[in-house]
Amino acid sequence: MRIAIEHAGAERGLLILFTGDEPRIAAEATTGRGQVEVTLHQTSVSPAELPESVLHYVIRTRESVALDDASAKNLYSQDEYVRQKRPRSVLCLPHHQTNEARRRALSREQFNRIKVDIGYSAER
């Protein structure tokens, strides 16, 4: 998580894992004082913590969502988290465990492009 947050230029990142059928926040990484701090959690997903509509879309489709300007009108504009927290950007990537899923995952070039877009948005 630390490396992903640093390379994306993000202020915050969450690791969501499933406990049974329920997604839960397993870890949170935040930036501050020139470093990335990772805290382990076992908390429920809630609109106060993340844009649930984005998470549900990624869970359902197993496709990535990258909003480089979350303030612009988009499919997720009405999400409670987006309206209240007003994040500059949002990136949600599915974790694939099978070989078939790995073939459907983002290519390295696509992932690097997303990181550049997200990093650029964070600097605006």
Foldseek 3Di string as FASTA:
>chain_A
DQVLCVLLVHQKDFDWDDDDNFTFTQWMWGDDPHGIDIDGDGGHDDLCPDQVVQVVVCVVPVDKDKFLALCDDDPSVPGSNCVPVVDRIDIDHDDDDDPVSVVVHDDPVVVSVSSVSSNVSSVD
